[in-house]
Amino acid sequence: MKRALLGTTAVIGGGLMATSALAESPIQLSVGGFFREAYQLVLDDDESGPENSLEPGDEHSDDGFFNDAEIHFMGRTVLDNGLEIGARVELEGEDDEDQIDEAWVYFAGGFGEFRVGADDEALSNSCILPPGGTANFSAFSPNQWGANAFDVINPAGNISPFGTVTNSACEGVDDKSDAQKIIYFSPIFHGFQLTASYTPNPDAETHVDGVGPHTGMPVRGNDDADFDASFYLTYFYAGHNWDITLGAGGSFEASVTDGRVFFFGPPPASSSGVDNEEQDFYQTAFVLNVDRFSIGGVFEYFNDLDTFEVDEPFSAFSDTRFSRDAWVAGGGGAYNYNAWTFGAQYSYRKDIFKVTETPFGFKKEQVQQRAVATVNYALGPGINLDGEFAYTWRDQDPENLSPTFNNDDYSAMEFGIGTAVTF
């Protein structure tokens, strides 16, 4: 179950009185959360490249302090019939356009747990990643990523089709990861547990999106799915002095609307002739713990990550298919000795972009690799110090396909030190 607060919590008030006479006690309010702070230094490509195009690191800072913090409020009670009812609200610890991160109500018992509200979908909620990362640093989905892993504008005024890319391996299809949804966590049965979710409006999370007090249903825009669905199945087995966790799942879009905003070139006069493909992502991973050692691996495939077809006449792009797929693979390991944990991770991501059924059809690929060595020291309960050395390198092939899609290879060394406090 994933309903416990991070770390220990303290009761700060009697809270609201239970509305049901069956409640053994009033709803109790608890507070918890985390604060993560890191300093990072990045040494990367920051000079002008071929044809005077800029490197990703050009005009960017070499170092900086970065933080991530949340305060979690949770109310819960258990009725006489055994049903547990509660709610959780996560407040961002710094200024953000979305000041409330996640907020949901839950019902739990022998049947498992149902959550309704703003939370991650099933795959993102329950997915497994290899060991070797820390609260701040990782080769997959780190809290702090120092390398400038994005494309820059070239002399033609365009960018390549890959945009900002991190080697995330726990990603679902929701347009907004915390879109309003219902999530179900099954009881653990012989080591198996299923997580499933349904998101009726994948781009709607807050009142501004039309999912607060409202009149009428949220508007579906260009490239919006009718709904998303996701599932993730985990299996845990413990032997003598060892244990293993396995995981696999998928995330799916359904009935994506036609029409989109083109990421290159002039915008179409009408978007009615643009057919969008539904995304579907698949992930699997394992973690094996033996005494003080841990190892693991992960793979995620992003099918139709950004794929569409122009059917109606539109300049030279009519009857042309633009497709983008990607996949991430990698592994990691860790060794624990008293308060120290030493780790290492490696991730490999490949993006493939194709333009077909056109006189100037082409294919462009990008490979981004990241290797990270980490160390973590448990200073006290819920208090950790961590550090990293990371190297990120990227290759686009071909490099100089055309003036529209021109970008150089990129590499960056990254040093970091941080702290993570859980309360």
Protein backbone atom coordinates (compact mmCIF):
# COMPACT_ATOMS: atom_id res chain seq x y z
CA MET A 1 0.00 0.00 0.00
CA LYS A 2 1.22 3.52 -0.77
CA ARG A 3 -0.89 5.54 1.63
CA ALA A 4 1.64 6.08 4.43
CA LEU A 5 3.33 9.46 4.74
CA LEU A 6 7.05 9.70 4.00
CA GLY A 7 8.83 9.04 7.29
CA THR A 8 7.27 9.51 10.70
CA THR A 9 4.37 11.88 11.22
CA ALA A 10 3.11 13.87 14.17
CA VAL A 11 -0.51 14.36 15.09
CA ILE A 12 -1.11 18.11 15.09
CA GLY A 13 -4.76 18.31 15.92
CA GLY A 14 -7.99 16.53 16.59
CA GLY A 15 -9.11 17.51 13.09
CA LEU A 16 -12.64 17.32 11.82
CA MET A 17 -15.28 15.37 13.70
CA ALA A 18 -16.33 12.23 11.89
CA THR A 19 -19.72 12.56 10.25
CA SER A 20 -20.52 8.89 10.73
CA ALA A 21 -21.61 7.58 14.09
CA LEU A 22 -19.73 4.37 13.27
CA ALA A 23 -16.30 6.06 13.51
CA GLU A 24 -14.28 4.85 16.51
CA SER A 25 -12.50 8.23 16.66
CA PRO A 26 -12.62 11.58 14.91
CA ILE A 27 -10.56 12.06 11.77
CA GLN A 28 -6.97 12.75 12.81
CA LEU A 29 -4.73 15.12 10.87
CA SER A 30 -1.06 14.23 10.35
CA VAL A 31 1.73 16.17 8.71
CA GLY A 32 4.84 14.93 6.91
CA GLY A 33 6.88 15.62 3.82
CA PHE A 34 10.43 16.11 2.62
CA PHE A 35 13.04 18.74 1.75
CA ARG A 36 15.80 18.05 -0.78
CA GLU A 37 18.60 20.47 -1.58
CA ALA A 38 21.52 19.96 -3.96
CA TYR A 39 24.49 21.86 -5.32
CA GLN A 40 25.62 20.86 -8.83
CA LEU A 41 28.54 21.77 -11.09
CA VAL A 42 28.34 20.94 -14.81
CA LEU A 43 31.20 20.99 -17.31
CA ASP A 44 29.79 20.58 -20.82
CA ASP A 45 29.80 21.68 -24.47
CA ASP A 46 29.20 25.43 -24.47
CA GLU A 47 30.85 26.69 -27.66
CA SER A 48 29.40 27.45 -31.08
CA GLY A 49 29.10 24.40 -33.31
CA PRO A 50 28.98 23.90 -37.09
CA GLU A 51 27.22 26.61 -39.09
CA ASN A 52 27.27 28.79 -35.96
CA SER A 53 24.61 26.71 -34.19
CA LEU A 54 24.73 26.79 -30.40
CA GLU A 55 25.67 23.93 -28.11
CA PRO A 56 23.10 23.03 -25.44
CA GLY A 57 25.33 24.42 -22.70
CA ASP A 58 25.87 27.78 -24.38
CA GLU A 59 24.83 30.74 -22.20
CA HIS A 60 23.80 28.45 -19.36
CA SER A 61 25.15 28.56 -15.81
CA ASP A 62 27.92 26.17 -14.82
CA ASP A 63 26.66 25.60 -11.27
CA GLY A 64 23.78 26.29 -8.93
CA PHE A 65 21.69 25.33 -5.90
CA PHE A 66 18.44 23.42 -6.53
CA ASN A 67 15.72 22.21 -4.20
CA ASP A 68 12.50 20.26 -4.11
CA ALA A 69 10.22 20.25 -1.09
CA GLU A 70 6.69 19.22 -0.18
CA ILE A 71 4.53 19.30 2.95
CA HIS A 72 1.99 16.49 3.15
CA PHE A 73 -1.28 16.81 5.08
CA MET A 74 -3.33 13.68 5.66
CA GLY A 75 -6.51 12.99 7.57
CA ARG A 76 -7.70 9.45 8.31
CA THR A 77 -10.01 7.41 10.46
CA VAL A 78 -11.10 3.77 10.71
CA LEU A 79 -14.78 2.94 11.06
CA ASP A 80 -16.13 0.18 13.30
CA ASN A 81 -16.70 -1.97 10.21
CA GLY A 82 -12.95 -1.82 9.42
CA LEU A 83 -13.21 0.62 6.51
CA GLU A 84 -10.38 3.16 6.49
CA ILE A 85 -11.20 6.58 4.99
CA GLY A 86 -8.79 9.43 4.49
CA ALA A 87 -7.54 12.24 2.31
CA ARG A 88 -4.11 13.61 1.43
CA VAL A 89 -2.98 17.02 0.13
CA GLU A 90 0.62 17.71 -0.90
CA LEU A 91 1.75 21.34 -0.76
CA GLU A 92 4.78 22.39 -2.83
CA GLY A 93 7.59 23.84 -0.71
CA GLU A 94 8.58 26.50 -3.26
CA ASP A 95 6.80 28.83 -5.67
CA ASP A 96 5.25 26.84 -8.48
CA GLU A 97 2.53 27.32 -11.08
CA ASP A 98 0.91 24.25 -9.53
CA GLN A 99 1.23 25.02 -5.82
CA ILE A 100 -0.67 21.87 -4.81
CA ASP A 101 1.12 18.79 -6.13
CA GLU A 102 -1.24 15.88 -5.44
CA ALA A 103 -4.55 15.73 -3.62
CA TRP A 104 -6.80 12.70 -3.24
CA VAL A 105 -9.29 10.85 -1.04
CA TYR A 106 -9.03 7.11 -0.38
CA PHE A 107 -11.07 4.17 0.86
CA ALA A 108 -9.17 1.09 2.07
CA GLY A 109 -9.98 -2.30 3.56
CA GLY A 110 -9.68 -6.00 2.89
CA PHE A 111 -10.62 -5.33 -0.76
CA GLY A 112 -7.51 -3.16 -1.26
CA GLU A 113 -7.50 0.61 -1.73
CA PHE A 114 -9.30 3.05 -4.03
CA ARG A 115 -7.97 6.58 -4.55
CA VAL A 116 -9.86 9.37 -6.31
CA GLY A 117 -8.26 12.71 -7.14
CA ALA A 118 -5.01 14.15 -8.47
CA ASP A 119 -2.33 11.46 -8.35
CA ASP A 120 0.04 9.55 -10.65
CA GLU A 121 -1.38 6.85 -12.88
CA ALA A 122 -0.82 3.16 -12.12
CA LEU A 123 2.42 2.69 -14.07
CA SER A 124 4.08 5.79 -12.62
CA ASN A 125 2.72 5.08 -9.14
CA SER A 126 3.97 1.52 -8.72
CA CYS A 127 6.80 1.11 -11.24
CA ILE A 128 10.19 -0.23 -10.19
CA LEU A 129 13.61 1.31 -10.89
CA PRO A 130 17.05 -0.26 -10.37
CA PRO A 131 18.97 0.49 -7.16
CA GLY A 132 21.98 2.78 -7.09
CA GLY A 133 20.24 6.16 -7.13
CA THR A 134 19.66 8.53 -4.21
CA ALA A 135 16.92 11.01 -3.29
CA ASN A 136 18.63 13.66 -5.45
CA PHE A 137 20.68 11.82 -8.08
CA SER A 138 20.05 9.03 -10.59
CA ALA A 139 20.70 7.90 -14.16
CA PHE A 140 16.96 7.51 -14.86
CA SER A 141 14.57 9.95 -13.22
CA PRO A 142 16.72 12.04 -10.88
CA ASN A 143 15.32 14.79 -8.73
CA GLN A 144 18.20 16.95 -10.04
CA TRP A 145 19.55 16.58 -13.61
CA GLY A 146 22.46 18.90 -14.33
CA ALA A 147 23.28 18.11 -17.98
CA ASN A 148 21.60 20.38 -20.55
CA ALA A 149 19.64 17.58 -22.22
CA PHE A 150 17.62 19.57 -24.73
CA ASP A 151 17.83 20.74 -28.33
CA VAL A 152 18.76 24.29 -29.22
CA ILE A 153 17.47 26.58 -31.95
CA ASN A 154 19.60 26.34 -35.10
CA PRO A 155 20.25 29.10 -37.69
CA ALA A 156 17.07 28.17 -39.60
CA GLY A 157 15.02 29.04 -36.51
CA ASN A 158 13.89 25.45 -35.93
CA ILE A 159 14.69 22.75 -33.40
CA SER A 160 15.20 19.07 -33.98
CA PRO A 161 12.18 16.84 -33.24
CA PHE A 162 13.45 15.50 -29.90
CA GLY A 163 13.10 18.50 -27.60
CA THR A 164 14.02 18.02 -23.94
CA VAL A 165 14.86 14.38 -23.23
CA THR A 166 15.69 12.72 -19.91
CA ASN A 167 16.15 8.97 -19.52
CA SER A 168 12.97 8.50 -17.52
CA ALA A 169 11.87 4.86 -17.24
CA CYS A 170 8.71 5.22 -15.12
CA GLU A 171 6.55 7.38 -17.38
CA GLY A 172 2.88 7.09 -18.33
CA VAL A 173 0.82 8.63 -21.12
CA ASP A 174 -1.17 11.20 -19.09
CA ASP A 175 -0.71 14.74 -20.46
CA LYS A 176 -0.53 15.89 -16.84
CA SER A 177 0.90 13.26 -14.52
CA ASP A 178 -1.46 14.29 -11.68
CA ALA A 179 -4.62 14.54 -13.78
CA GLN A 180 -7.81 13.66 -11.88
CA LYS A 181 -8.32 9.87 -11.88
CA ILE A 182 -9.36 6.78 -9.95
CA ILE A 183 -6.66 4.32 -8.89
CA TYR A 184 -7.05 0.84 -7.41
CA PHE A 185 -4.41 -1.04 -5.38
CA SER A 186 -5.27 -4.68 -4.86
CA PRO A 187 -4.42 -6.62 -1.70
CA ILE A 188 -1.15 -8.56 -1.84
CA PHE A 189 -1.96 -12.14 -2.83
CA HIS A 190 0.90 -14.66 -2.68
CA GLY A 191 3.35 -11.85 -3.39
CA PHE A 192 1.35 -10.33 -6.28
CA GLN A 193 -0.20 -6.87 -6.26
CA LEU A 194 -2.07 -5.11 -9.08
CA THR A 195 -2.38 -1.35 -9.53
CA ALA A 196 -4.87 -0.03 -12.12
CA SER A 197 -6.05 3.48 -12.99
CA TYR A 198 -8.57 5.29 -15.21
CA THR A 199 -8.11 8.94 -16.25
CA PRO A 200 -11.17 10.42 -18.02
CA ASN A 201 -9.52 13.81 -18.76
CA PRO A 202 -5.74 13.28 -19.07
CA ASP A 203 -4.92 17.01 -19.27
CA ALA A 204 -7.21 18.15 -16.43
CA GLU A 205 -5.83 18.44 -12.89
CA THR A 206 -6.93 21.70 -11.28
CA HIS A 207 -9.91 24.10 -11.15
CA VAL A 208 -8.34 26.04 -14.00
CA ASP A 209 -8.52 22.88 -16.13
CA GLY A 210 -12.26 22.57 -15.47
CA VAL A 211 -12.24 19.78 -12.87
CA GLY A 212 -13.13 21.87 -9.81
CA PRO A 213 -16.56 23.44 -9.25
CA HIS A 214 -17.89 23.52 -12.79
CA THR A 215 -20.66 23.79 -15.29
CA GLY A 216 -20.30 21.41 -18.20
CA MET A 217 -17.53 18.97 -19.02
CA PRO A 218 -13.86 19.90 -19.65
CA VAL A 219 -13.01 20.93 -23.21
CA ARG A 220 -11.05 18.50 -25.36
CA GLY A 221 -8.36 20.30 -27.33
CA ASN A 222 -6.13 19.23 -30.20
CA ASP A 223 -4.19 16.03 -29.53
CA ASP A 224 -6.20 15.20 -26.36
CA ALA A 225 -7.18 11.63 -25.51
CA ASP A 226 -10.77 10.73 -24.61
CA PHE A 227 -9.36 8.80 -21.64
CA ASP A 228 -6.21 7.01 -20.45
CA ALA A 229 -5.90 3.64 -18.72
CA SER A 230 -2.92 2.11 -16.97
CA PHE A 231 -1.97 -1.00 -14.98
CA TYR A 232 1.11 -2.32 -13.19
CA LEU A 233 1.67 -5.76 -11.63
CA THR A 234 4.37 -6.42 -9.04
CA TYR A 235 5.60 -9.66 -7.48
CA PHE A 236 7.70 -9.94 -4.33
CA TYR A 237 9.40 -13.06 -2.98
CA ALA A 238 11.68 -13.30 0.05
CA GLY A 239 14.10 -16.16 0.56
CA HIS A 240 16.78 -16.74 3.19
CA ASN A 241 18.90 -13.57 3.25
CA TRP A 242 17.64 -12.48 -0.17
CA ASP A 243 14.52 -11.16 -1.92
CA ILE A 244 13.41 -10.20 -5.41
CA THR A 245 10.81 -7.77 -6.76
CA LEU A 246 9.50 -7.99 -10.32
CA GLY A 247 7.27 -5.50 -12.09
CA ALA A 248 5.56 -5.03 -15.46
CA GLY A 249 2.80 -2.83 -16.82
CA GLY A 250 1.45 -0.57 -19.52
CA SER A 251 -0.18 2.81 -20.08
CA PHE A 252 -2.60 3.56 -22.94
CA GLU A 253 -4.38 6.46 -24.63
CA ALA A 254 -7.82 6.03 -26.23
CA SER A 255 -9.52 8.05 -28.99
CA VAL A 256 -7.06 10.92 -29.42
CA THR A 257 -8.66 13.94 -31.10
CA ASP A 258 -7.48 15.09 -34.52
CA GLY A 259 -5.60 18.32 -35.06
CA ARG A 260 -2.36 19.45 -33.45
CA VAL A 261 0.16 22.27 -33.34
CA PHE A 262 3.12 21.47 -35.59
CA PHE A 263 6.50 21.50 -33.87
CA PHE A 264 8.30 22.73 -37.00
CA GLY A 265 7.61 24.89 -40.03
CA PRO A 266 4.62 27.18 -40.57
CA PRO A 267 1.35 26.27 -38.80
CA PRO A 268 -1.35 24.70 -40.94
CA ALA A 269 -4.28 26.84 -42.04
CA SER A 270 -6.55 24.11 -40.66
CA SER A 271 -5.75 21.25 -38.30
CA SER A 272 -8.78 19.16 -39.30
CA GLY A 273 -6.69 16.97 -41.59
CA VAL A 274 -4.18 15.87 -38.94
CA ASP A 275 -4.77 12.37 -37.55
CA ASN A 276 -3.02 11.61 -34.24
CA GLU A 277 -1.98 8.15 -33.13
CA GLU A 278 -2.72 6.95 -29.60
CA GLN A 279 0.32 6.51 -27.36
CA ASP A 280 1.00 3.25 -25.55
CA PHE A 281 3.94 2.75 -23.17
CA TYR A 282 5.24 -0.52 -21.66
CA GLN A 283 7.63 -0.99 -18.75
CA THR A 284 9.25 -3.92 -16.93
CA ALA A 285 11.92 -4.06 -14.20
CA PHE A 286 13.40 -6.18 -11.41
CA VAL A 287 15.37 -5.61 -8.20
CA LEU A 288 17.35 -8.37 -6.45
CA ASN A 289 18.66 -7.91 -2.91
CA VAL A 290 21.28 -10.31 -1.52
CA ASP A 291 22.64 -9.46 1.91
CA ARG A 292 24.25 -6.01 1.51
CA PHE A 293 24.15 -6.02 -2.30
CA SER A 294 21.34 -4.92 -4.63
CA ILE A 295 21.15 -5.11 -8.41
CA GLY A 296 18.38 -4.44 -10.92
CA GLY A 297 17.41 -3.62 -14.47
CA VAL A 298 14.64 -1.76 -16.29
CA PHE A 299 13.21 -1.35 -19.80
CA GLU A 300 10.48 0.99 -21.05
CA TYR A 301 9.18 1.32 -24.60
CA PHE A 302 7.34 4.46 -25.77
CA ASN A 303 5.22 3.49 -28.79
CA ASP A 304 3.94 6.39 -30.92
CA LEU A 305 5.45 8.88 -28.52
CA ASP A 306 4.64 11.62 -31.04
CA THR A 307 3.05 10.22 -34.21
CA PHE A 308 0.55 11.83 -36.59
CA GLU A 309 -0.43 11.89 -40.24
CA VAL A 310 -1.45 14.81 -42.45
CA ASP A 311 -4.30 13.55 -44.64
CA GLU A 312 -5.78 16.63 -46.25
CA PRO A 313 -3.78 18.78 -48.68
CA PHE A 314 -1.37 20.95 -46.73
CA SER A 315 1.54 22.32 -48.71
CA ALA A 316 4.18 19.64 -49.32
CA PHE A 317 3.18 17.71 -46.17
CA SER A 318 -0.10 16.24 -47.44
CA ASP A 319 -0.41 12.46 -47.03
CA THR A 320 2.74 12.45 -44.92
CA ARG A 321 3.31 10.46 -41.74
CA PHE A 322 5.47 11.80 -38.93
CA SER A 323 6.37 9.18 -36.33
CA ARG A 324 8.48 9.10 -33.18
CA ASP A 325 9.18 6.09 -30.97
CA ALA A 326 11.66 5.71 -28.11
CA TRP A 327 12.94 3.23 -25.58
CA VAL A 328 15.02 3.30 -22.39
CA ALA A 329 17.05 0.46 -20.88
CA GLY A 330 19.59 0.27 -18.10
CA GLY A 331 20.57 -1.10 -14.74
CA GLY A 332 22.13 -0.32 -11.41
CA GLY A 333 23.59 -1.72 -8.24
CA ALA A 334 24.22 -0.68 -4.66
CA TYR A 335 26.24 -1.81 -1.66
CA ASN A 336 25.25 -0.93 1.89
CA TYR A 337 27.77 -0.76 4.73
CA ASN A 338 26.47 0.55 8.04
CA ALA A 339 25.29 4.13 7.38
CA TRP A 340 26.92 4.24 3.92
CA THR A 341 25.38 3.19 0.60
CA PHE A 342 27.48 3.21 -2.58
CA GLY A 343 25.70 2.97 -5.92
CA ALA A 344 26.14 3.06 -9.68
CA GLN A 345 23.61 3.31 -12.52
CA TYR A 346 23.65 3.39 -16.32
CA SER A 347 20.81 4.31 -18.70
CA TYR A 348 20.52 4.24 -22.49
CA ARG A 349 17.75 6.01 -24.39
CA LYS A 350 17.13 5.89 -28.13
CA ASP A 351 14.62 8.10 -29.99
CA ILE A 352 13.70 7.40 -33.61
CA PHE A 353 12.00 10.05 -35.76
CA LYS A 354 10.72 9.24 -39.27
CA VAL A 355 9.01 11.15 -42.03
CA THR A 356 7.47 8.85 -44.66
CA GLU A 357 5.29 9.00 -47.77
CA THR A 358 6.83 12.22 -49.00
CA PRO A 359 9.47 13.04 -51.64
CA PHE A 360 11.83 14.21 -48.91
CA GLY A 361 11.20 11.45 -46.38
CA PHE A 362 13.99 10.82 -43.91
CA LYS A 363 14.94 9.20 -40.61
CA LYS A 364 16.81 10.73 -37.68
CA GLU A 365 17.94 8.98 -34.49
CA GLN A 366 19.19 10.21 -31.15
CA VAL A 367 20.96 8.18 -28.47
CA GLN A 368 21.46 9.61 -25.00
CA GLN A 369 23.46 7.71 -22.39
CA ARG A 370 24.03 8.54 -18.74
CA ALA A 371 26.31 6.94 -16.15
CA VAL A 372 26.17 7.92 -12.47
CA ALA A 373 28.16 6.96 -9.38
CA THR A 374 26.50 7.88 -6.07
CA VAL A 375 27.16 7.80 -2.36
CA ASN A 376 24.64 8.23 0.45
CA TYR A 377 25.27 8.65 4.17
CA ALA A 378 22.44 8.25 6.69
CA LEU A 379 23.23 11.03 9.13
CA GLY A 380 20.21 10.20 11.30
CA PRO A 381 16.59 8.98 11.06
CA GLY A 382 15.14 10.63 7.96
CA ILE A 383 18.31 12.70 7.36
CA ASN A 384 20.61 11.79 4.46
CA LEU A 385 23.62 13.32 2.72
CA ASP A 386 24.26 12.25 -0.89
CA GLY A 387 26.67 12.93 -3.72
CA GLU A 388 27.17 12.09 -7.39
CA PHE A 389 29.54 12.03 -10.29
CA ALA A 390 27.67 11.71 -13.59
CA TYR A 391 28.59 11.70 -17.26
CA THR A 392 25.92 12.26 -19.94
CA TRP A 393 26.61 11.99 -23.65
CA ARG A 394 24.34 12.24 -26.68
CA ASP A 395 24.68 11.45 -30.37
CA GLN A 396 22.34 12.37 -33.23
CA ASP A 397 22.58 10.47 -36.48
CA PRO A 398 22.86 11.94 -39.04
CA GLU A 399 24.19 15.10 -37.40
CA ASN A 400 23.68 17.45 -40.37
CA LEU A 401 20.62 16.01 -42.05
CA SER A 402 19.30 19.38 -43.23
CA PRO A 403 19.25 23.04 -42.17
CA THR A 404 15.97 22.32 -40.37
CA PHE A 405 17.23 19.42 -38.24
CA ASN A 406 20.84 20.22 -37.43
CA ASN A 407 22.33 19.52 -34.01
CA ASP A 408 25.74 18.52 -32.71
CA ASP A 409 26.70 15.72 -30.37
CA TYR A 410 26.77 16.68 -26.70
CA SER A 411 28.55 15.58 -23.51
CA ALA A 412 28.59 16.80 -19.92
CA MET A 413 30.36 15.96 -16.65
CA GLU A 414 28.29 16.55 -13.56
CA PHE A 415 29.28 16.82 -9.88
CA GLY A 416 26.72 17.10 -7.12
CA ILE A 417 26.28 17.07 -3.37
CA GLY A 418 22.98 17.22 -1.58
CA THR A 419 20.82 16.47 1.41
CA ALA A 420 17.41 14.88 1.80
CA VAL A 421 15.34 15.38 4.96
CA THR A 422 12.18 13.33 5.45
CA PHE A 423 9.72 14.15 8.22
